[in-house]
Amino acid sequence: MAYRRLLLPLTGTAAGEAALATALMVARIWNAHVHCLHVRVDARDVAPLAGEGLSGAMIEEMMAATERESGDRASRVRALFERFAAGSGDVTIANSAETALKSGGPTLSFESIAGREEDVVAQQSRLYDMAVVPHPEAGEDVSSSDALHAVLFDSGRPVLIAPRVAPASIGTRVCCAWNGTGESAAAIDAALPWLHRAQARRILYADEYQRRGPPVEGILAYLHWHEITAEAQQFKPVTKDVGAGLLGAARDFNADLLCMGAYSHSRLRQLILGGVTRHVLENAEIPVLMCR
């Protein structure tokens, strides 16, 4: 079992560059293919937002300006991709499965399409083993990010949130958060390839984090059936913040990958993420593998 096909929604930000570097690191580990997808704003989506009181000429000008700005951004993102591809000598550009499989190593491809980013990324992610997404930008409200919610809750696939700065390593020391829920079980299932490969593994649990479901001993027994040995470590919230305690426990273990379930207080994207999920998304300095 391995990750063979990764989707990277690529942006032109510094966080997007770190995500690309992280995705390439993962691709090198698994000899995987990374498909970089840039979603341009569709100028036709601007017209319904223009509102009443604007003339047809004004709306056309808004659409033209949106098209220019979107095209400029797409060009910058394409340049970023080409620069990374040129600087990573062991990575082959492959636009078909046949080419990728014949290469015998990590491969890359790029695509730019117009549409609504949250819809396109969530739907396309369903055809990949994992999505790699940039870390939320500084100051961004992760609870109101439609694109982030979409890929976490609508893709049906594990999501690797890249750190703000590309890590030196990934998956050698792995922490998994356990609280007995279906989401945490899905995260550990998605992390099995990493857990098999890791040099050290730790399951993190806490009374304040536990929900209705099997205790930590149950997941340790499950992993034993997969010939994976892991130690359990109870952590404590930091100033009553479970998310801070979880990240602190991962730091104490020198983890370079954290796996956990993603939670929301509502199925509606407009409502806030669970507190632990939100804290980890905003503050993690290592890659985080999340599942819903």
C-alpha atoms as a PDB file:
ATOM      1  CA  MET A   1       0.000   0.000   0.000  1.00  0.00           C
ATOM      2  CA  ALA A   2       1.391   3.383  -0.979  1.00  0.00           C
ATOM      3  CA  TYR A   3       0.387   6.811  -2.182  1.00  0.00           C
ATOM      4  CA  ARG A   4       0.640   6.841  -5.959  1.00  0.00           C
ATOM      5  CA  ARG A   5      -1.293   9.937  -7.017  1.00  0.00           C
ATOM      6  CA  LEU A   6      -1.369  13.283  -5.202  1.00  0.00           C
ATOM      7  CA  LEU A   7      -3.352  16.424  -5.979  1.00  0.00           C
ATOM      8  CA  LEU A   8      -1.845  19.810  -5.133  1.00  0.00           C
ATOM      9  CA  PRO A   9      -4.089  22.884  -5.487  1.00  0.00           C
ATOM     10  CA  LEU A  10      -1.329  25.280  -6.430  1.00  0.00           C
ATOM     11  CA  THR A  11      -1.342  28.988  -5.613  1.00  0.00           C
ATOM     12  CA  GLY A  12       1.239  31.660  -6.193  1.00  0.00           C
ATOM     13  CA  THR A  13       1.747  32.469  -2.518  1.00  0.00           C
ATOM     14  CA  ALA A  14       4.683  31.647  -0.256  1.00  0.00           C
ATOM     15  CA  ALA A  15       2.492  29.010   1.383  1.00  0.00           C
ATOM     16  CA  GLY A  16       1.903  27.530  -2.076  1.00  0.00           C
ATOM     17  CA  GLU A  17       5.657  27.254  -2.639  1.00  0.00           C
ATOM     18  CA  ALA A  18       6.099  25.426   0.679  1.00  0.00           C
ATOM     19  CA  ALA A  19       3.225  23.094  -0.244  1.00  0.00           C
ATOM     20  CA  LEU A  20       4.857  22.301  -3.584  1.00  0.00           C
ATOM     21  CA  ALA A  21       8.146  21.508  -1.867  1.00  0.00           C
ATOM     22  CA  THR A  22       6.295  19.319   0.646  1.00  0.00           C
ATOM     23  CA  ALA A  23       4.409  17.487  -2.105  1.00  0.00           C
ATOM     24  CA  LEU A  24       7.658  16.819  -3.971  1.00  0.00           C
ATOM     25  CA  MET A  25       9.172  15.405  -0.776  1.00  0.00           C
ATOM     26  CA  VAL A  26       6.210  13.030  -0.445  1.00  0.00           C
ATOM     27  CA  ALA A  27       6.461  12.095  -4.131  1.00  0.00           C
ATOM     28  CA  ARG A  28      10.125  11.179  -3.735  1.00  0.00           C
ATOM     29  CA  ILE A  29       9.317   8.891  -0.805  1.00  0.00           C
ATOM     30  CA  TRP A  30       6.567   6.989  -2.610  1.00  0.00           C
ATOM     31  CA  ASN A  31       7.647   7.428  -6.255  1.00  0.00           C
ATOM     32  CA  ALA A  32       4.318   9.160  -6.654  1.00  0.00           C
ATOM     33  CA  HIS A  33       2.802  11.534  -9.188  1.00  0.00           C
ATOM     34  CA  VAL A  34       1.906  15.093  -8.143  1.00  0.00           C
ATOM     35  CA  HIS A  35      -0.735  16.811 -10.243  1.00  0.00           C
ATOM     36  CA  CYS A  36      -0.591  20.567  -9.651  1.00  0.00           C
ATOM     37  CA  LEU A  37      -3.980  22.146 -10.239  1.00  0.00           C
ATOM     38  CA  HIS A  38      -4.501  25.885 -10.474  1.00  0.00           C
ATOM     39  CA  VAL A  39      -8.140  27.006 -10.514  1.00  0.00           C
ATOM     40  CA  ARG A  40      -8.660  30.370 -12.189  1.00  0.00           C
ATOM     41  CA  VAL A  41     -11.586  32.589 -11.340  1.00  0.00           C
ATOM     42  CA  ASP A  42     -14.260  32.237 -13.998  1.00  0.00           C
ATOM     43  CA  ALA A  43     -15.187  35.773 -15.080  1.00  0.00           C
ATOM     44  CA  ARG A  44     -18.748  34.608 -15.710  1.00  0.00           C
ATOM     45  CA  ASP A  45     -19.135  34.094 -11.942  1.00  0.00           C
ATOM     46  CA  VAL A  46     -18.613  37.826 -11.424  1.00  0.00           C
ATOM     47  CA  ALA A  47     -21.826  38.950 -13.153  1.00  0.00           C
ATOM     48  CA  PRO A  48     -24.287  37.510 -10.580  1.00  0.00           C
ATOM     49  CA  LEU A  49     -22.287  39.239  -7.821  1.00  0.00           C
ATOM     50  CA  ALA A  50     -22.361  42.636  -9.466  1.00  0.00           C
ATOM     51  CA  GLY A  51     -25.818  43.463  -8.113  1.00  0.00           C
ATOM     52  CA  GLU A  52     -28.402  45.873  -9.391  1.00  0.00           C
ATOM     53  CA  GLY A  53     -27.700  49.409 -10.563  1.00  0.00           C
ATOM     54  CA  LEU A  54     -24.753  48.528 -12.798  1.00  0.00           C
ATOM     55  CA  SER A  55     -24.959  48.935 -16.529  1.00  0.00           C
ATOM     56  CA  GLY A  56     -24.082  46.178 -18.930  1.00  0.00           C
ATOM     57  CA  ALA A  57     -20.903  48.027 -19.874  1.00  0.00           C
ATOM     58  CA  MET A  58     -19.817  48.222 -16.228  1.00  0.00           C
ATOM     59  CA  ILE A  59     -20.417  44.526 -15.717  1.00  0.00           C
ATOM     60  CA  GLU A  60     -18.453  43.702 -18.860  1.00  0.00           C
ATOM     61  CA  GLU A  61     -15.565  45.844 -17.618  1.00  0.00           C
ATOM     62  CA  MET A  62     -15.616  44.025 -14.266  1.00  0.00           C
ATOM     63  CA  MET A  63     -15.542  40.698 -16.071  1.00  0.00           C
ATOM     64  CA  ALA A  64     -12.670  41.837 -18.295  1.00  0.00           C
ATOM     65  CA  ALA A  65     -10.675  43.043 -15.276  1.00  0.00           C
ATOM     66  CA  THR A  66     -11.305  39.745 -13.503  1.00  0.00           C
ATOM     67  CA  GLU A  67     -10.157  37.844 -16.577  1.00  0.00           C
ATOM     68  CA  ARG A  68      -6.929  39.876 -16.786  1.00  0.00           C
ATOM     69  CA  GLU A  69      -6.142  39.469 -13.105  1.00  0.00           C
ATOM     70  CA  SER A  70      -6.935  35.768 -13.197  1.00  0.00           C
ATOM     71  CA  GLY A  71      -4.740  35.279 -16.265  1.00  0.00           C
ATOM     72  CA  ASP A  72      -1.834  37.142 -14.667  1.00  0.00           C
ATOM     73  CA  ARG A  73      -2.063  35.006 -11.556  1.00  0.00           C
ATOM     74  CA  ALA A  74      -2.241  31.821 -13.612  1.00  0.00           C
ATOM     75  CA  SER A  75       0.930  32.880 -15.435  1.00  0.00           C
ATOM     76  CA  ARG A  76       2.733  33.439 -12.129  1.00  0.00           C
ATOM     77  CA  VAL A  77       1.631  30.055 -10.817  1.00  0.00           C
ATOM     78  CA  ARG A  78       2.746  28.350 -14.037  1.00  0.00           C
ATOM     79  CA  ALA A  79       6.136  30.067 -13.737  1.00  0.00           C
ATOM     80  CA  LEU A  80       6.416  28.846 -10.143  1.00  0.00           C
ATOM     81  CA  PHE A  81       5.671  25.282 -11.244  1.00  0.00           C
ATOM     82  CA  GLU A  82       8.204  25.408 -14.086  1.00  0.00           C
ATOM     83  CA  ARG A  83      10.880  26.834 -11.795  1.00  0.00           C
ATOM     84  CA  PHE A  84      10.390  24.046  -9.265  1.00  0.00           C
ATOM     85  CA  ALA A  85      10.287  21.396 -11.955  1.00  0.00           C
ATOM     86  CA  ALA A  86      13.518  22.675 -13.489  1.00  0.00           C
ATOM     87  CA  GLY A  87      15.236  22.693 -10.095  1.00  0.00           C
ATOM     88  CA  SER A  88      14.249  19.161  -9.122  1.00  0.00           C
ATOM     89  CA  GLY A  89      16.381  17.062 -11.421  1.00  0.00           C
ATOM     90  CA  ASP A  90      15.024  13.682 -10.305  1.00  0.00           C
ATOM     91  CA  VAL A  91      11.412  14.567 -11.105  1.00  0.00           C
ATOM     92  CA  THR A  92       9.929  13.847 -14.548  1.00  0.00           C
ATOM     93  CA  ILE A  93       7.112  15.818 -16.176  1.00  0.00           C
ATOM     94  CA  ALA A  94       4.429  13.279 -17.016  1.00  0.00           C
ATOM     95  CA  ASN A  95       1.038  14.095 -18.508  1.00  0.00           C
ATOM     96  CA  SER A  96      -0.236  10.510 -18.653  1.00  0.00           C
ATOM     97  CA  ALA A  97      -0.306   7.488 -16.368  1.00  0.00           C
ATOM     98  CA  GLU A  98       1.765   5.524 -18.877  1.00  0.00           C
ATOM     99  CA  THR A  99       4.572   8.078 -18.838  1.00  0.00           C
ATOM    100  CA  ALA A 100       4.483   8.348 -15.055  1.00  0.00           C
ATOM    101  CA  LEU A 101       4.582   4.595 -14.485  1.00  0.00           C
ATOM    102  CA  LYS A 102       7.418   4.088 -16.967  1.00  0.00           C
ATOM    103  CA  SER A 103       9.568   6.727 -15.278  1.00  0.00           C
ATOM    104  CA  GLY A 104      10.082   4.608 -12.178  1.00  0.00           C
ATOM    105  CA  GLY A 105      10.362   7.730 -10.010  1.00  0.00           C
ATOM    106  CA  PRO A 106       8.489  10.836  -8.870  1.00  0.00           C
ATOM    107  CA  THR A 107       6.595  12.726 -11.564  1.00  0.00           C
ATOM    108  CA  LEU A 108       4.814  16.066 -11.949  1.00  0.00           C
ATOM    109  CA  SER A 109       2.102  17.594 -14.097  1.00  0.00           C
ATOM    110  CA  PHE A 110       0.322  20.955 -14.237  1.00  0.00           C
ATOM    111  CA  GLU A 111      -3.178  22.035 -15.204  1.00  0.00           C
ATOM    112  CA  SER A 112      -4.945  25.389 -15.063  1.00  0.00           C
ATOM    113  CA  ILE A 113      -8.729  25.471 -15.398  1.00  0.00           C
ATOM    114  CA  ALA A 114     -11.476  28.002 -14.705  1.00  0.00           C
ATOM    115  CA  GLY A 115     -14.136  27.432 -12.069  1.00  0.00           C
ATOM    116  CA  ARG A 116     -15.010  27.731  -8.401  1.00  0.00           C
ATOM    117  CA  GLU A 117     -11.941  26.576  -6.498  1.00  0.00           C
ATOM    118  CA  GLU A 118     -13.790  24.905  -3.623  1.00  0.00           C
ATOM    119  CA  ASP A 119     -15.962  22.856  -5.995  1.00  0.00           C
ATOM    120  CA  VAL A 120     -13.235  21.881  -8.456  1.00  0.00           C
ATOM    121  CA  VAL A 121     -10.659  20.913  -5.820  1.00  0.00           C
ATOM    122  CA  ALA A 122     -13.088  18.877  -3.700  1.00  0.00           C
ATOM    123  CA  GLN A 123     -14.384  16.975  -6.718  1.00  0.00           C
ATOM    124  CA  GLN A 124     -11.004  16.355  -8.329  1.00  0.00           C
ATOM    125  CA  SER A 125      -9.482  15.208  -5.010  1.00  0.00           C
ATOM    126  CA  ARG A 126     -11.767  12.169  -5.073  1.00  0.00           C
ATOM    127  CA  LEU A 127      -9.649  10.731  -7.889  1.00  0.00           C
ATOM    128  CA  TYR A 128      -6.385  10.937  -5.924  1.00  0.00           C
ATOM    129  CA  ASP A 129      -4.894   9.063  -2.990  1.00  0.00           C
ATOM    130  CA  MET A 130      -4.333  12.296  -1.112  1.00  0.00           C
ATOM    131  CA  ALA A 131      -4.559  16.053  -1.498  1.00  0.00           C
ATOM    132  CA  VAL A 132      -1.698  18.278  -0.363  1.00  0.00           C
ATOM    133  CA  VAL A 133      -2.869  21.787   0.490  1.00  0.00           C
ATOM    134  CA  PRO A 134      -1.002  24.950   1.498  1.00  0.00           C
ATOM    135  CA  HIS A 135      -0.993  26.081   5.103  1.00  0.00           C
ATOM    136  CA  PRO A 136      -3.630  28.754   5.775  1.00  0.00           C
ATOM    137  CA  GLU A 137      -2.138  32.177   5.186  1.00  0.00           C
ATOM    138  CA  ALA A 138      -1.311  34.345   8.183  1.00  0.00           C
ATOM    139  CA  GLY A 139      -4.414  36.181   9.312  1.00  0.00           C
ATOM    140  CA  GLU A 140      -6.776  33.999   7.289  1.00  0.00           C
ATOM    141  CA  ASP A 141      -9.828  32.757   9.147  1.00  0.00           C
ATOM    142  CA  VAL A 142      -9.634  29.020   8.561  1.00  0.00           C
ATOM    143  CA  SER A 143     -13.199  28.570   9.777  1.00  0.00           C
ATOM    144  CA  SER A 144     -14.582  30.620   6.886  1.00  0.00           C
ATOM    145  CA  SER A 145     -12.366  29.222   4.122  1.00  0.00           C
ATOM    146  CA  ASP A 146     -14.720  27.542   1.661  1.00  0.00           C
ATOM    147  CA  ALA A 147     -11.873  25.871  -0.216  1.00  0.00           C
ATOM    148  CA  LEU A 148     -10.320  24.400   2.933  1.00  0.00           C
ATOM    149  CA  HIS A 149     -13.669  23.136   4.196  1.00  0.00           C
ATOM    150  CA  ALA A 150     -14.452  21.631   0.815  1.00  0.00           C
ATOM    151  CA  VAL A 151     -11.277  19.587   0.550  1.00  0.00           C
ATOM    152  CA  LEU A 152     -11.473  18.478   4.200  1.00  0.00           C
ATOM    153  CA  PHE A 153     -15.140  17.592   4.331  1.00  0.00           C
ATOM    154  CA  ASP A 154     -16.254  16.961   0.735  1.00  0.00           C
ATOM    155  CA  SER A 155     -13.375  15.142  -0.956  1.00  0.00           C
ATOM    156  CA  GLY A 156     -13.632  11.833   0.891  1.00  0.00           C
ATOM    157  CA  ARG A 157      -9.833  11.603   0.801  1.00  0.00           C
ATOM    158  CA  PRO A 158      -7.050  12.268   3.295  1.00  0.00           C
ATOM    159  CA  VAL A 159      -5.633  15.771   3.198  1.00  0.00           C
ATOM    160  CA  LEU A 160      -2.043  16.673   3.999  1.00  0.00           C
ATOM    161  CA  ILE A 161      -1.784  20.270   5.206  1.00  0.00           C
ATOM    162  CA  ALA A 162       1.719  21.509   4.448  1.00  0.00           C
ATOM    163  CA  PRO A 163       3.518  23.696   7.000  1.00  0.00           C
ATOM    164  CA  ARG A 164       4.354  27.325   6.267  1.00  0.00           C
ATOM    165  CA  VAL A 165       7.974  26.292   5.686  1.00  0.00           C
ATOM    166  CA  ALA A 166       8.820  23.063   3.878  1.00  0.00           C
ATOM    167  CA  PRO A 167       9.935  20.430   6.407  1.00  0.00           C
ATOM    168  CA  ALA A 168      13.380  18.839   6.521  1.00  0.00           C
ATOM    169  CA  SER A 169      11.774  15.387   6.733  1.00  0.00           C
ATOM    170  CA  ILE A 170       8.341  13.828   6.777  1.00  0.00           C
ATOM    171  CA  GLY A 171       7.026  10.540   8.113  1.00  0.00           C
ATOM    172  CA  THR A 172      10.055   9.294  10.054  1.00  0.00           C
ATOM    173  CA  ARG A 173       8.527  10.028  13.472  1.00  0.00           C
ATOM    174  CA  VAL A 174       4.728   9.893  13.319  1.00  0.00           C
ATOM    175  CA  CYS A 175       2.156  10.909  15.920  1.00  0.00           C
ATOM    176  CA  CYS A 176      -1.511   9.941  15.599  1.00  0.00           C
ATOM    177  CA  ALA A 177      -4.246  11.596  17.645  1.00  0.00           C
ATOM    178  CA  TRP A 178      -6.831   9.146  18.991  1.00  0.00           C
ATOM    179  CA  ASN A 179     -10.177   9.911  20.598  1.00  0.00           C
ATOM    180  CA  GLY A 180     -12.282   6.887  19.654  1.00  0.00           C
ATOM    181  CA  THR A 181     -14.234   8.552  16.829  1.00  0.00           C
ATOM    182  CA  GLY A 182     -14.761   7.405  13.267  1.00  0.00           C
ATOM    183  CA  GLU A 183     -12.760  10.399  12.049  1.00  0.00           C
ATOM    184  CA  SER A 184      -9.707   9.429  14.090  1.00  0.00           C
ATOM    185  CA  ALA A 185     -10.051   5.828  12.881  1.00  0.00           C
ATOM    186  CA  ALA A 186     -10.161   7.043   9.265  1.00  0.00           C
ATOM    187  CA  ALA A 187      -7.045   9.139   9.853  1.00  0.00           C
ATOM    188  CA  ILE A 188      -5.083   6.184  11.212  1.00  0.00           C
ATOM    189  CA  ASP A 189      -6.259   4.005   8.331  1.00  0.00           C
ATOM    190  CA  ALA A 190      -5.071   6.634   5.834  1.00  0.00           C
ATOM    191  CA  ALA A 191      -1.763   6.870   7.725  1.00  0.00           C
ATOM    192  CA  LEU A 192      -0.982   3.132   7.599  1.00  0.00           C
ATOM    193  CA  PRO A 193       1.624   3.525   4.808  1.00  0.00           C
ATOM    194  CA  TRP A 194       3.391   6.184   6.873  1.00  0.00           C
ATOM    195  CA  LEU A 195       3.149   4.102  10.044  1.00  0.00           C
ATOM    196  CA  HIS A 196       4.679   1.059   8.341  1.00  0.00           C
ATOM    197  CA  ARG A 197       7.555   3.187   7.100  1.00  0.00           C
ATOM    198  CA  ALA A 198       8.154   5.269  10.251  1.00  0.00           C
ATOM    199  CA  GLN A 199      11.108   4.746  12.564  1.00  0.00           C
ATOM    200  CA  ALA A 200       9.034   5.725  15.622  1.00  0.00           C
ATOM    201  CA  ARG A 201       5.283   5.963  16.267  1.00  0.00           C
ATOM    202  CA  ARG A 202       3.226   7.397  19.100  1.00  0.00           C
ATOM    203  CA  ILE A 203      -0.539   7.468  19.697  1.00  0.00           C
ATOM    204  CA  LEU A 204      -1.601  10.621  21.548  1.00  0.00           C
ATOM    205  CA  TYR A 205      -4.735  10.594  23.703  1.00  0.00           C
ATOM    206  CA  ALA A 206      -6.279  12.631  26.505  1.00  0.00           C
ATOM    207  CA  ASP A 207      -9.329  12.410  28.732  1.00  0.00           C
ATOM    208  CA  GLU A 208     -10.428  15.848  27.520  1.00  0.00           C
ATOM    209  CA  TYR A 209     -10.075  14.735  23.882  1.00  0.00           C
ATOM    210  CA  GLN A 210     -11.766  11.317  24.163  1.00  0.00           C
ATOM    211  CA  ARG A 211     -15.256  10.856  22.720  1.00  0.00           C
ATOM    212  CA  ARG A 212     -17.617   7.882  22.716  1.00  0.00           C
ATOM    213  CA  GLY A 213     -15.684   5.010  21.220  1.00  0.00           C
ATOM    214  CA  PRO A 214     -12.846   2.557  21.851  1.00  0.00           C
ATOM    215  CA  PRO A 215     -10.067   3.657  24.205  1.00  0.00           C
ATOM    216  CA  VAL A 216      -6.439   3.910  23.118  1.00  0.00           C
ATOM    217  CA  GLU A 217      -5.777   0.236  23.917  1.00  0.00           C
ATOM    218  CA  GLY A 218      -8.163  -0.711  21.129  1.00  0.00           C
ATOM    219  CA  ILE A 219      -6.299   1.183  18.416  1.00  0.00           C
ATOM    220  CA  LEU A 220      -2.958  -0.190  19.645  1.00  0.00           C
ATOM    221  CA  ALA A 221      -4.370  -3.704  19.216  1.00  0.00           C
ATOM    222  CA  TYR A 222      -5.651  -2.804  15.737  1.00  0.00           C
ATOM    223  CA  LEU A 223      -2.199  -1.589  14.706  1.00  0.00           C
ATOM    224  CA  HIS A 224      -0.660  -4.782  16.083  1.00  0.00           C
ATOM    225  CA  TRP A 225      -2.761  -6.758  13.584  1.00  0.00           C
ATOM    226  CA  HIS A 226      -1.051  -4.679  10.897  1.00  0.00           C
ATOM    227  CA  GLU A 227       2.349  -5.537  12.401  1.00  0.00           C
ATOM    228  CA  ILE A 228       2.799  -1.956  13.591  1.00  0.00           C
ATOM    229  CA  THR A 229       4.103  -1.306  17.082  1.00  0.00           C
ATOM    230  CA  ALA A 230       3.308   2.082  18.605  1.00  0.00           C
ATOM    231  CA  GLU A 231       3.521   3.547  22.080  1.00  0.00           C
ATOM    232  CA  ALA A 232       0.652   5.415  23.709  1.00  0.00           C
ATOM    233  CA  GLN A 233       1.206   8.774  25.374  1.00  0.00           C
ATOM    234  CA  GLN A 234      -1.381  10.731  27.327  1.00  0.00           C
ATOM    235  CA  PHE A 235      -1.170  14.479  26.858  1.00  0.00           C
ATOM    236  CA  LYS A 236      -2.633  17.366  28.816  1.00  0.00           C
ATOM    237  CA  PRO A 237      -4.288  20.505  27.455  1.00  0.00           C
ATOM    238  CA  VAL A 238      -2.220  23.676  27.617  1.00  0.00           C
ATOM    239  CA  THR A 239      -4.183  26.329  29.543  1.00  0.00           C
ATOM    240  CA  LYS A 240      -7.327  24.258  28.871  1.00  0.00           C
ATOM    241  CA  ASP A 241      -6.601  24.178  25.107  1.00  0.00           C
ATOM    242  CA  VAL A 242      -6.625  20.595  23.830  1.00  0.00           C
ATOM    243  CA  GLY A 243      -5.208  21.579  20.440  1.00  0.00           C
ATOM    244  CA  ALA A 244      -2.209  23.285  22.022  1.00  0.00           C
ATOM    245  CA  GLY A 245      -1.618  20.245  24.216  1.00  0.00           C
ATOM    246  CA  LEU A 246      -1.762  17.961  21.168  1.00  0.00           C
ATOM    247  CA  LEU A 247       0.774  20.035  19.234  1.00  0.00           C
ATOM    248  CA  GLY A 248       2.991  20.251  22.307  1.00  0.00           C
ATOM    249  CA  ALA A 249       2.985  16.465  22.664  1.00  0.00           C
ATOM    250  CA  ALA A 250       3.903  16.101  18.982  1.00  0.00           C
ATOM    251  CA  ARG A 251       6.802  18.538  19.461  1.00  0.00           C
ATOM    252  CA  ASP A 252       8.006  16.622  22.518  1.00  0.00           C
ATOM    253  CA  PHE A 253       8.200  13.499  20.345  1.00  0.00           C
ATOM    254  CA  ASN A 254      10.075  15.420  17.617  1.00  0.00           C
ATOM    255  CA  ALA A 255       7.346  14.278  15.219  1.00  0.00           C
ATOM    256  CA  ASP A 256       7.607  15.229  11.563  1.00  0.00           C
ATOM    257  CA  LEU A 257       4.031  14.130  10.792  1.00  0.00           C
ATOM    258  CA  LEU A 258       0.803  14.401  12.799  1.00  0.00           C
ATOM    259  CA  CYS A 259      -2.288  12.402  11.787  1.00  0.00           C
ATOM    260  CA  MET A 260      -5.740  13.230  13.145  1.00  0.00           C
ATOM    261  CA  GLY A 261      -9.428  13.382  12.353  1.00  0.00           C
ATOM    262  CA  ALA A 262     -10.952  16.657  11.177  1.00  0.00           C
ATOM    263  CA  TYR A 263     -14.060  17.875  12.945  1.00  0.00           C
ATOM    264  CA  SER A 264     -16.703  20.540  12.413  1.00  0.00           C
ATOM    265  CA  HIS A 265     -19.494  21.705  14.689  1.00  0.00           C
ATOM    266  CA  SER A 266     -21.880  21.562  11.748  1.00  0.00           C
ATOM    267  CA  ARG A 267     -22.218  20.063   8.303  1.00  0.00           C
ATOM    268  CA  LEU A 268     -22.681  23.617   7.031  1.00  0.00           C
ATOM    269  CA  ARG A 269     -19.391  25.086   5.873  1.00  0.00           C
ATOM    270  CA  GLN A 270     -20.343  28.514   7.174  1.00  0.00           C
ATOM    271  CA  LEU A 271     -20.145  27.355  10.792  1.00  0.00           C
ATOM    272  CA  ILE A 272     -16.873  27.047  12.632  1.00  0.00           C
ATOM    273  CA  LEU A 273     -14.457  24.156  12.703  1.00  0.00           C
ATOM    274  CA  GLY A 274     -14.062  22.166  15.887  1.00  0.00           C
ATOM    275  CA  GLY A 275     -11.715  23.914  18.288  1.00  0.00           C
ATOM    276  CA  VAL A 276      -8.961  21.283  18.186  1.00  0.00           C
ATOM    277  CA  THR A 277      -9.042  21.078  14.382  1.00  0.00           C
ATOM    278  CA  ARG A 278      -8.915  24.843  14.066  1.00  0.00           C
ATOM    279  CA  HIS A 279      -6.017  25.255  16.495  1.00  0.00           C
ATOM    280  CA  VAL A 280      -3.945  22.596  14.756  1.00  0.00           C
ATOM    281  CA  LEU A 281      -4.641  24.024  11.296  1.00  0.00           C
ATOM    282  CA  GLU A 282      -3.602  27.495  12.374  1.00  0.00           C
ATOM    283  CA  ASN A 283      -0.560  26.619  14.479  1.00  0.00           C
ATOM    284  CA  ALA A 284       1.027  23.363  13.279  1.00  0.00           C
ATOM    285  CA  GLU A 285       4.661  23.691  12.224  1.00  0.00           C
ATOM    286  CA  ILE A 286       4.832  20.155  10.811  1.00  0.00           C
ATOM    287  CA  PRO A 287       2.785  18.438   8.080  1.00  0.00           C
ATOM    288  CA  VAL A 288      -0.633  17.326   9.332  1.00  0.00           C
ATOM    289  CA  LEU A 289      -2.584  14.466   7.729  1.00  0.00           C
ATOM    290  CA  MET A 290      -6.311  14.965   8.311  1.00  0.00           C
ATOM    291  CA  CYS A 291      -9.321  12.808   7.495  1.00  0.00           C
ATOM    292  CA  ARG A 292     -13.049  13.340   7.817  1.00  0.00           C
END
